Protein backbone atom coordinates (compact mmCIF):
# COMPACT_ATOMS: atom_id res chain seq x y z
CA MET A 1 -24.44 14.29 -11.72
CA ALA A 2 -23.41 17.26 -13.10
CA MET A 3 -19.98 19.11 -13.17
CA ARG A 4 -21.35 21.53 -11.15
CA ASN A 5 -23.09 19.91 -8.58
CA TYR A 6 -20.22 17.61 -8.31
CA LEU A 7 -17.85 20.44 -7.49
CA ILE A 8 -20.09 21.93 -5.10
CA LEU A 9 -20.45 18.64 -3.08
CA CYS A 10 -16.45 18.22 -3.01
CA ALA A 11 -16.06 21.59 -1.67
CA ALA A 12 -18.67 21.32 0.86
CA VAL A 13 -17.18 17.88 1.51
CA THR A 14 -13.63 19.58 2.00
CA VAL A 15 -15.37 22.32 4.13
CA LEU A 16 -16.95 20.33 6.70
CA THR A 17 -13.81 17.88 6.99
CA CYS A 18 -11.53 20.76 7.62
CA LEU A 19 -13.80 22.29 10.29
CA ALA A 20 -14.21 18.79 11.84
CA VAL A 21 -10.52 18.27 12.15
CA LEU A 22 -10.11 21.73 13.59
CA PHE A 23 -12.96 21.81 16.28
CA ILE A 24 -14.06 18.08 16.95
CA PRO A 25 -10.88 16.50 18.82
CA GLY A 26 -12.41 12.94 18.79
CA LEU A 27 -13.24 13.22 15.06
CA SER A 28 -9.65 14.21 13.80
CA GLU A 29 -8.41 11.55 15.64
CA ALA A 30 -10.50 8.97 14.02
CA ILE A 31 -9.67 10.74 10.57
CA GLU A 32 -5.88 11.12 11.09
CA THR A 33 -5.78 7.24 12.03
CA ALA A 34 -7.74 6.11 9.22
CA LEU A 35 -5.42 8.29 6.85
CA LEU A 36 -2.25 6.92 8.16
CA GLY A 37 -3.43 3.49 8.33
CA PHE A 38 -4.53 4.09 4.69
CA LEU A 39 -1.11 5.84 3.64
CA ALA A 40 0.84 3.01 5.62
CA SER A 41 -0.82 -0.22 3.73
CA ASN A 42 -0.31 1.76 0.21
CA ALA A 43 3.27 2.68 1.37
CA SER A 44 4.53 -1.19 1.79
CA GLY A 45 3.42 -2.29 -1.49
């Protein structure tokens, strides 16, 4: 994958994730739970 396409893909995923967190309550809760679980599992090791 070319660097330009990769950067465009990362930017699109970032924008979609931000919009989902702002406007979709259930999805934002799921993302928050997954993120907290990920951070907790890596912080204890």
